[in-house]
Amino acid sequence: MRKKRQKRHGRKKPKKTAKQGIELRDIFIENRAFKTLITSAIEVYNRETNGVLLGRNTIREIKGGKAKVVSIKEVYPFQTEERKPSEVTHGNLAAFKRVLRTIESFETEIIGGYHSHPYPYKSVRLSRGDIVSIKEDIEAMVKIGHKRVEHGWLEILLSIKRRDYAKPSGREWYITDYIKRLRCHVRTHEKTAYDILISAYWVYPTGKSALESSKPKDWQMKIREVAVFVPWNLN
């Protein structure tokens, strides 16, 4: 198994939104959560995967120094979604709400969600449709009493492409660093591999739009891309 990591560039200090004081921190995806993200994206290819992120603010050692990050501790993939190559929706809304309530019962904080864009994707950033879906998820969570996501929702995007090779090779995986983003290459079969570009975004309402309407669907949203980190050793 081959693992590769390129030199990471310097980081700016995390910024805060002017109104809510929410830190737009870089993210650190823990071992098990990282494997779940990659596996769930490959599992349903060429359809979209999605789910929720569980985590908390913490301090981790990055590049030999201490950094404030959001640690992604757990990932829960939704099982009852309606999946298409360019869209995924909550096919069973009652099941979706049961998931949210169950996670809340364990007193675990949902900080956002994730989804994939299978190739051919128009871009490797959040689309307008993604923002609409995020607003709907924020509204659903607010209805069950989870207020924190009103001020900042973290969304991880997995842009995934399958690669087929004429020459067979053994299974392997490695990670390449693209400044803020990570590319994970996984060969699952002697002639088949998947490239997954991982990016992360904080989505939050402008102060004015949140004050004008209590409904997230009416909010104007700002987007800030942040850096993605993973452990050096994923074993």
C-alpha atoms as a PDB file:
ATOM      1  CA  MET A   1       0.000   0.000   0.000  1.00  0.00           C
ATOM      2  CA  ARG A   2       1.511   3.317  -1.065  1.00  0.00           C
ATOM      3  CA  LYS A   3       0.897   6.622   0.698  1.00  0.00           C
ATOM      4  CA  LYS A   4       2.123  10.000  -0.472  1.00  0.00           C
ATOM      5  CA  ARG A   5       1.796  13.485   0.943  1.00  0.00           C
ATOM      6  CA  GLN A   6       3.067  16.688  -0.623  1.00  0.00           C
ATOM      7  CA  LYS A   7       4.267  19.779   1.228  1.00  0.00           C
ATOM      8  CA  ARG A   8       1.436  21.916   2.583  1.00  0.00           C
ATOM      9  CA  HIS A   9       1.476  25.655   2.177  1.00  0.00           C
ATOM     10  CA  GLY A  10       1.052  28.130   5.043  1.00  0.00           C
ATOM     11  CA  ARG A  11      -2.351  28.806   6.623  1.00  0.00           C
ATOM     12  CA  LYS A  12      -4.122  31.996   7.492  1.00  0.00           C
ATOM     13  CA  LYS A  13      -5.681  32.396  10.908  1.00  0.00           C
ATOM     14  CA  PRO A  14      -9.332  31.258  11.056  1.00  0.00           C
ATOM     15  CA  LYS A  15     -11.828  34.024  10.424  1.00  0.00           C
ATOM     16  CA  LYS A  16     -15.088  34.711  12.216  1.00  0.00           C
ATOM     17  CA  THR A  17     -18.388  35.912  10.817  1.00  0.00           C
ATOM     18  CA  ALA A  18     -19.023  39.503  11.801  1.00  0.00           C
ATOM     19  CA  LYS A  19     -22.439  38.980  13.367  1.00  0.00           C
ATOM     20  CA  GLN A  20     -22.443  35.551  15.013  1.00  0.00           C
ATOM     21  CA  GLY A  21     -18.783  35.205  16.047  1.00  0.00           C
ATOM     22  CA  ILE A  22     -18.632  31.670  14.567  1.00  0.00           C
ATOM     23  CA  GLU A  23     -15.120  30.529  13.750  1.00  0.00           C
ATOM     24  CA  LEU A  24     -14.765  29.319  10.178  1.00  0.00           C
ATOM     25  CA  ARG A  25     -12.126  26.781  11.103  1.00  0.00           C
ATOM     26  CA  ASP A  26     -10.175  24.409   8.904  1.00  0.00           C
ATOM     27  CA  ILE A  27     -11.253  20.788   9.335  1.00  0.00           C
ATOM     28  CA  PHE A  28      -9.440  17.666  10.495  1.00  0.00           C
ATOM     29  CA  ILE A  29     -11.087  14.421   9.347  1.00  0.00           C
ATOM     30  CA  GLU A  30     -10.332  11.638  11.803  1.00  0.00           C
ATOM     31  CA  ASN A  31      -9.314   8.155  10.694  1.00  0.00           C
ATOM     32  CA  ARG A  32     -12.653   6.315  10.779  1.00  0.00           C
ATOM     33  CA  ALA A  33     -14.632   9.274   9.446  1.00  0.00           C
ATOM     34  CA  PHE A  34     -12.247   9.634   6.499  1.00  0.00           C
ATOM     35  CA  LYS A  35     -12.599   5.977   5.532  1.00  0.00           C
ATOM     36  CA  THR A  36     -16.394   6.199   5.766  1.00  0.00           C
ATOM     37  CA  LEU A  37     -16.498   9.270   3.508  1.00  0.00           C
ATOM     38  CA  ILE A  38     -14.368   7.629   0.822  1.00  0.00           C
ATOM     39  CA  THR A  39     -16.163   4.264   1.006  1.00  0.00           C
ATOM     40  CA  SER A  40     -19.660   5.769   0.822  1.00  0.00           C
ATOM     41  CA  ALA A  41     -18.737   7.827  -2.257  1.00  0.00           C
ATOM     42  CA  ILE A  42     -17.324   4.780  -4.053  1.00  0.00           C
ATOM     43  CA  GLU A  43     -20.187   2.508  -2.962  1.00  0.00           C
ATOM     44  CA  VAL A  44     -22.944   4.346  -4.873  1.00  0.00           C
ATOM     45  CA  TYR A  45     -20.857   5.517  -7.863  1.00  0.00           C
ATOM     46  CA  ASN A  46     -22.069   6.873 -10.291  1.00  0.00           C
ATOM     47  CA  ARG A  47     -24.806   8.240  -8.023  1.00  0.00           C
ATOM     48  CA  GLU A  48     -24.427  10.866  -5.305  1.00  0.00           C
ATOM     49  CA  THR A  49     -23.821   9.896  -1.707  1.00  0.00           C
ATOM     50  CA  ASN A  50     -24.691  12.098   1.268  1.00  0.00           C
ATOM     51  CA  GLY A  51     -24.919  12.137   5.043  1.00  0.00           C
ATOM     52  CA  VAL A  52     -24.213  14.152   8.172  1.00  0.00           C
ATOM     53  CA  LEU A  53     -20.984  15.118   9.932  1.00  0.00           C
ATOM     54  CA  LEU A  54     -20.488  14.782  13.678  1.00  0.00           C
ATOM     55  CA  GLY A  55     -17.712  16.726  15.320  1.00  0.00           C
ATOM     56  CA  ARG A  56     -16.520  19.499  17.556  1.00  0.00           C
ATOM     57  CA  ASN A  57     -14.024  22.329  17.864  1.00  0.00           C
ATOM     58  CA  THR A  58     -10.638  21.184  19.089  1.00  0.00           C
ATOM     59  CA  ILE A  59      -6.885  21.751  18.785  1.00  0.00           C
ATOM     60  CA  ARG A  60      -4.745  19.383  16.742  1.00  0.00           C
ATOM     61  CA  GLU A  61      -1.072  19.248  15.862  1.00  0.00           C
ATOM     62  CA  ILE A  62      -0.607  20.200  12.211  1.00  0.00           C
ATOM     63  CA  LYS A  63       2.742  20.790  10.515  1.00  0.00           C
ATOM     64  CA  GLY A  64       4.518  20.604  13.852  1.00  0.00           C
ATOM     65  CA  GLY A  65       2.358  23.258  15.503  1.00  0.00           C
ATOM     66  CA  LYS A  66      -0.954  23.539  17.318  1.00  0.00           C
ATOM     67  CA  ALA A  67      -3.966  24.679  15.269  1.00  0.00           C
ATOM     68  CA  LYS A  68      -7.626  25.315  16.016  1.00  0.00           C
ATOM     69  CA  VAL A  69      -9.719  23.045  13.805  1.00  0.00           C
ATOM     70  CA  VAL A  70     -13.073  21.313  13.604  1.00  0.00           C
ATOM     71  CA  SER A  71     -12.508  17.624  14.215  1.00  0.00           C
ATOM     72  CA  ILE A  72     -14.819  15.371  12.158  1.00  0.00           C
ATOM     73  CA  LYS A  73     -15.214  12.452  14.551  1.00  0.00           C
ATOM     74  CA  GLU A  74     -18.008  10.481  12.884  1.00  0.00           C
ATOM     75  CA  VAL A  75     -19.830  10.340   9.561  1.00  0.00           C
ATOM     76  CA  TYR A  76     -23.307   8.902   9.068  1.00  0.00           C
ATOM     77  CA  PRO A  77     -24.307   8.083   5.450  1.00  0.00           C
ATOM     78  CA  PHE A  78     -28.053   8.254   4.765  1.00  0.00           C
ATOM     79  CA  GLN A  79     -29.475   4.930   3.570  1.00  0.00           C
ATOM     80  CA  THR A  80     -32.946   5.910   2.302  1.00  0.00           C
ATOM     81  CA  GLU A  81     -32.055   8.628  -0.198  1.00  0.00           C
ATOM     82  CA  GLU A  82     -33.172   8.974  -3.803  1.00  0.00           C
ATOM     83  CA  ARG A  83     -29.933   9.064  -5.775  1.00  0.00           C
ATOM     84  CA  LYS A  84     -29.176  10.312  -9.278  1.00  0.00           C
ATOM     85  CA  PRO A  85     -25.882  11.059 -11.074  1.00  0.00           C
ATOM     86  CA  SER A  86     -26.338  14.797 -10.445  1.00  0.00           C
ATOM     87  CA  GLU A  87     -28.709  14.921  -7.467  1.00  0.00           C
ATOM     88  CA  VAL A  88     -29.521  13.282  -4.154  1.00  0.00           C
ATOM     89  CA  THR A  89     -32.661  14.021  -2.117  1.00  0.00           C
ATOM     90  CA  HIS A  90     -34.261  12.825   1.096  1.00  0.00           C
ATOM     91  CA  GLY A  91     -36.553  10.200  -0.412  1.00  0.00           C
ATOM     92  CA  ASN A  92     -37.970   9.289   2.986  1.00  0.00           C
ATOM     93  CA  LEU A  93     -38.365  12.510   4.961  1.00  0.00           C
ATOM     94  CA  ALA A  94     -39.606  10.681   8.045  1.00  0.00           C
ATOM     95  CA  ALA A  95     -36.476   8.496   8.038  1.00  0.00           C
ATOM     96  CA  PHE A  96     -34.291  11.575   7.634  1.00  0.00           C
ATOM     97  CA  LYS A  97     -35.887  13.188  10.699  1.00  0.00           C
ATOM     98  CA  ARG A  98     -35.496   9.951  12.675  1.00  0.00           C
ATOM     99  CA  VAL A  99     -31.764  10.012  11.948  1.00  0.00           C
ATOM    100  CA  LEU A 100     -31.467  13.610  13.172  1.00  0.00           C
ATOM    101  CA  ARG A 101     -33.427  12.917  16.358  1.00  0.00           C
ATOM    102  CA  THR A 102     -31.491   9.712  17.086  1.00  0.00           C
ATOM    103  CA  ILE A 103     -28.135  11.438  16.750  1.00  0.00           C
ATOM    104  CA  GLU A 104     -29.356  14.276  18.954  1.00  0.00           C
ATOM    105  CA  SER A 105     -30.468  11.721  21.572  1.00  0.00           C
ATOM    106  CA  PHE A 106     -26.864  10.528  21.841  1.00  0.00           C
ATOM    107  CA  GLU A 107     -25.908  14.140  22.615  1.00  0.00           C
ATOM    108  CA  THR A 108     -23.606  14.227  19.604  1.00  0.00           C
ATOM    109  CA  GLU A 109     -23.340  17.490  17.716  1.00  0.00           C
ATOM    110  CA  ILE A 110     -24.245  17.562  14.025  1.00  0.00           C
ATOM    111  CA  ILE A 111     -22.114  20.280  12.478  1.00  0.00           C
ATOM    112  CA  GLY A 112     -23.021  19.832   8.820  1.00  0.00           C
ATOM    113  CA  GLY A 113     -23.196  17.331   6.008  1.00  0.00           C
ATOM    114  CA  TYR A 114     -21.413  15.898   2.996  1.00  0.00           C
ATOM    115  CA  HIS A 115     -22.224  14.746  -0.499  1.00  0.00           C
ATOM    116  CA  SER A 116     -20.464  13.677  -3.693  1.00  0.00           C
ATOM    117  CA  HIS A 117     -20.368  14.923  -7.270  1.00  0.00           C
ATOM    118  CA  PRO A 118     -19.695  11.970  -9.591  1.00  0.00           C
ATOM    119  CA  TYR A 119     -17.883  12.677 -12.875  1.00  0.00           C
ATOM    120  CA  PRO A 120     -18.691  14.380 -15.226  1.00  0.00           C
ATOM    121  CA  TYR A 121     -19.136  17.295 -12.826  1.00  0.00           C
ATOM    122  CA  LYS A 122     -19.454  20.869 -14.039  1.00  0.00           C
ATOM    123  CA  SER A 123     -17.270  22.175 -11.218  1.00  0.00           C
ATOM    124  CA  VAL A 124     -15.591  21.042  -8.009  1.00  0.00           C
ATOM    125  CA  ARG A 125     -17.372  23.619  -5.885  1.00  0.00           C
ATOM    126  CA  LEU A 126     -20.805  23.796  -4.275  1.00  0.00           C
ATOM    127  CA  SER A 127     -23.606  24.353  -6.780  1.00  0.00           C
ATOM    128  CA  ARG A 128     -26.742  26.469  -6.393  1.00  0.00           C
ATOM    129  CA  GLY A 129     -28.694  23.265  -5.878  1.00  0.00           C
ATOM    130  CA  ASP A 130     -26.305  22.296  -3.072  1.00  0.00           C
ATOM    131  CA  ILE A 131     -27.021  25.575  -1.263  1.00  0.00           C
ATOM    132  CA  VAL A 132     -30.784  24.984  -1.561  1.00  0.00           C
ATOM    133  CA  SER A 133     -30.349  21.509  -0.037  1.00  0.00           C
ATOM    134  CA  ILE A 134     -28.199  22.902   2.775  1.00  0.00           C
ATOM    135  CA  LYS A 135     -30.878  25.478   3.605  1.00  0.00           C
ATOM    136  CA  GLU A 136     -33.470  22.681   3.777  1.00  0.00           C
ATOM    137  CA  ASP A 137     -31.261  20.637   6.123  1.00  0.00           C
ATOM    138  CA  ILE A 138     -30.668  23.671   8.351  1.00  0.00           C
ATOM    139  CA  GLU A 139     -34.421  24.237   8.558  1.00  0.00           C
ATOM    140  CA  ALA A 140     -35.066  20.579   9.432  1.00  0.00           C
ATOM    141  CA  MET A 141     -32.486  20.676  12.205  1.00  0.00           C
ATOM    142  CA  VAL A 142     -33.766  23.953  13.620  1.00  0.00           C
ATOM    143  CA  LYS A 143     -37.239  22.402  13.870  1.00  0.00           C
ATOM    144  CA  ILE A 144     -35.910  19.710  16.215  1.00  0.00           C
ATOM    145  CA  GLY A 145     -34.177  22.302  18.351  1.00  0.00           C
ATOM    146  CA  HIS A 146     -30.654  22.320  16.930  1.00  0.00           C
ATOM    147  CA  LYS A 147     -29.972  26.065  16.696  1.00  0.00           C
ATOM    148  CA  ARG A 148     -26.200  26.148  16.189  1.00  0.00           C
ATOM    149  CA  VAL A 149     -26.391  25.306  12.481  1.00  0.00           C
ATOM    150  CA  GLU A 150     -28.284  28.548  11.870  1.00  0.00           C
ATOM    151  CA  HIS A 151     -24.957  30.358  12.223  1.00  0.00           C
ATOM    152  CA  GLY A 152     -22.696  28.044  10.262  1.00  0.00           C
ATOM    153  CA  TRP A 153     -23.060  24.780   8.326  1.00  0.00           C
ATOM    154  CA  LEU A 154     -20.016  22.747   7.286  1.00  0.00           C
ATOM    155  CA  GLU A 155     -20.313  20.904   3.969  1.00  0.00           C
ATOM    156  CA  ILE A 156     -17.723  18.438   2.642  1.00  0.00           C
ATOM    157  CA  LEU A 157     -17.757  17.855  -1.114  1.00  0.00           C
ATOM    158  CA  LEU A 158     -16.340  14.683  -2.674  1.00  0.00           C
ATOM    159  CA  SER A 159     -15.746  15.133  -6.414  1.00  0.00           C
ATOM    160  CA  ILE A 160     -15.251  11.564  -7.598  1.00  0.00           C
ATOM    161  CA  LYS A 161     -14.110  10.059 -10.891  1.00  0.00           C
ATOM    162  CA  ARG A 162     -13.635   6.428 -11.844  1.00  0.00           C
ATOM    163  CA  ARG A 163     -10.519   5.456 -13.759  1.00  0.00           C
ATOM    164  CA  ASP A 164     -10.171   2.279 -15.804  1.00  0.00           C
ATOM    165  CA  TYR A 165      -6.746   0.917 -16.755  1.00  0.00           C
ATOM    166  CA  ALA A 166      -5.656  -1.518 -19.467  1.00  0.00           C
ATOM    167  CA  LYS A 167      -2.710  -2.717 -17.395  1.00  0.00           C
ATOM    168  CA  PRO A 168      -3.578  -4.544 -14.170  1.00  0.00           C
ATOM    169  CA  SER A 169      -2.024  -3.544 -10.873  1.00  0.00           C
ATOM    170  CA  GLY A 170      -2.398  -4.363  -7.185  1.00  0.00           C
ATOM    171  CA  ARG A 171      -4.616  -2.480  -4.765  1.00  0.00           C
ATOM    172  CA  GLU A 172      -3.223   0.788  -3.454  1.00  0.00           C
ATOM    173  CA  TRP A 173      -4.180   4.175  -2.098  1.00  0.00           C
ATOM    174  CA  TYR A 174      -2.462   7.490  -1.540  1.00  0.00           C
ATOM    175  CA  ILE A 175      -3.253  11.093  -0.674  1.00  0.00           C
ATOM    176  CA  THR A 176      -2.022  14.191  -2.509  1.00  0.00           C
ATOM    177  CA  ASP A 177      -2.233  17.678  -1.038  1.00  0.00           C
ATOM    178  CA  TYR A 178      -3.626  20.553  -3.158  1.00  0.00           C
ATOM    179  CA  ILE A 179      -3.192  23.474  -0.733  1.00  0.00           C
ATOM    180  CA  LYS A 180      -6.694  23.526   0.817  1.00  0.00           C
ATOM    181  CA  ARG A 181      -7.989  20.361  -0.825  1.00  0.00           C
ATOM    182  CA  LEU A 182      -6.956  16.716  -0.725  1.00  0.00           C
ATOM    183  CA  ARG A 183      -7.008  14.164  -3.523  1.00  0.00           C
ATOM    184  CA  CYS A 184      -7.430  10.551  -2.491  1.00  0.00           C
ATOM    185  CA  HIS A 185      -6.617   7.860  -5.056  1.00  0.00           C
ATOM    186  CA  VAL A 186      -7.944   4.360  -4.312  1.00  0.00           C
ATOM    187  CA  ARG A 187      -7.416   1.356  -6.591  1.00  0.00           C
ATOM    188  CA  THR A 188     -10.190  -1.090  -5.706  1.00  0.00           C
ATOM    189  CA  HIS A 189      -9.552  -3.627  -8.464  1.00  0.00           C
ATOM    190  CA  GLU A 190      -6.596  -4.560 -10.634  1.00  0.00           C
ATOM    191  CA  LYS A 191      -7.986  -2.386 -13.473  1.00  0.00           C
ATOM    192  CA  THR A 192     -10.227   0.060 -11.579  1.00  0.00           C
ATOM    193  CA  ALA A 193      -9.455   3.060  -9.386  1.00  0.00           C
ATOM    194  CA  TYR A 194     -11.231   6.142  -8.062  1.00  0.00           C
ATOM    195  CA  ASP A 195      -9.940   9.689  -7.669  1.00  0.00           C
ATOM    196  CA  ILE A 196     -11.759  11.701  -4.991  1.00  0.00           C
ATOM    197  CA  LEU A 197     -11.066  15.415  -4.565  1.00  0.00           C
ATOM    198  CA  ILE A 198     -12.095  16.471  -1.048  1.00  0.00           C
ATOM    199  CA  SER A 199     -13.022  20.089  -0.352  1.00  0.00           C
ATOM    200  CA  ALA A 200     -14.793  21.724   2.599  1.00  0.00           C
ATOM    201  CA  TYR A 201     -16.978  24.821   2.888  1.00  0.00           C
ATOM    202  CA  TRP A 202     -18.605  26.842   5.633  1.00  0.00           C
ATOM    203  CA  VAL A 203     -22.039  28.044   4.543  1.00  0.00           C
ATOM    204  CA  TYR A 204     -23.605  30.783   6.658  1.00  0.00           C
ATOM    205  CA  PRO A 205     -26.262  33.511   6.271  1.00  0.00           C
ATOM    206  CA  THR A 206     -25.480  37.156   5.827  1.00  0.00           C
ATOM    207  CA  GLY A 207     -26.502  39.092   8.922  1.00  0.00           C
ATOM    208  CA  LYS A 208     -29.145  41.086   7.056  1.00  0.00           C
ATOM    209  CA  SER A 209     -30.927  38.134   5.433  1.00  0.00           C
ATOM    210  CA  ALA A 210     -31.126  36.210   8.721  1.00  0.00           C
ATOM    211  CA  LEU A 211     -32.711  39.197  10.430  1.00  0.00           C
ATOM    212  CA  GLU A 212     -35.240  39.774   7.670  1.00  0.00           C
ATOM    213  CA  SER A 213     -36.609  36.224   7.698  1.00  0.00           C
ATOM    214  CA  SER A 214     -36.725  33.401  10.233  1.00  0.00           C
ATOM    215  CA  LYS A 215     -36.911  30.838   7.401  1.00  0.00           C
ATOM    216  CA  PRO A 216     -33.523  29.524   6.208  1.00  0.00           C
ATOM    217  CA  LYS A 217     -34.907  29.000   2.688  1.00  0.00           C
ATOM    218  CA  ASP A 218     -35.141  32.792   2.307  1.00  0.00           C
ATOM    219  CA  TRP A 219     -31.592  33.535   3.492  1.00  0.00           C
ATOM    220  CA  GLN A 220     -28.758  34.801   1.348  1.00  0.00           C
ATOM    221  CA  MET A 221     -25.782  32.562   2.085  1.00  0.00           C
ATOM    222  CA  LYS A 222     -22.060  33.207   2.093  1.00  0.00           C
ATOM    223  CA  ILE A 223     -19.559  30.448   1.318  1.00  0.00           C
ATOM    224  CA  ARG A 224     -16.004  30.157   2.614  1.00  0.00           C
ATOM    225  CA  GLU A 225     -13.717  27.308   1.584  1.00  0.00           C
ATOM    226  CA  VAL A 226     -11.424  26.019   4.320  1.00  0.00           C
ATOM    227  CA  ALA A 227      -8.505  23.588   4.395  1.00  0.00           C
ATOM    228  CA  VAL A 228      -8.846  19.833   4.850  1.00  0.00           C
ATOM    229  CA  PHE A 229      -6.443  17.787   6.977  1.00  0.00           C
ATOM    230  CA  VAL A 230      -6.281  14.045   7.724  1.00  0.00           C
ATOM    231  CA  PRO A 231      -4.026  11.991  10.045  1.00  0.00           C
ATOM    232  CA  TRP A 232      -0.619  11.052   8.662  1.00  0.00           C
ATOM    233  CA  ASN A 233      -1.293   7.438   9.604  1.00  0.00           C
ATOM    234  CA  LEU A 234      -4.696   6.097   8.567  1.00  0.00           C
ATOM    235  CA  ASN A 235      -4.053   2.513   9.693  1.00  0.00           C
END
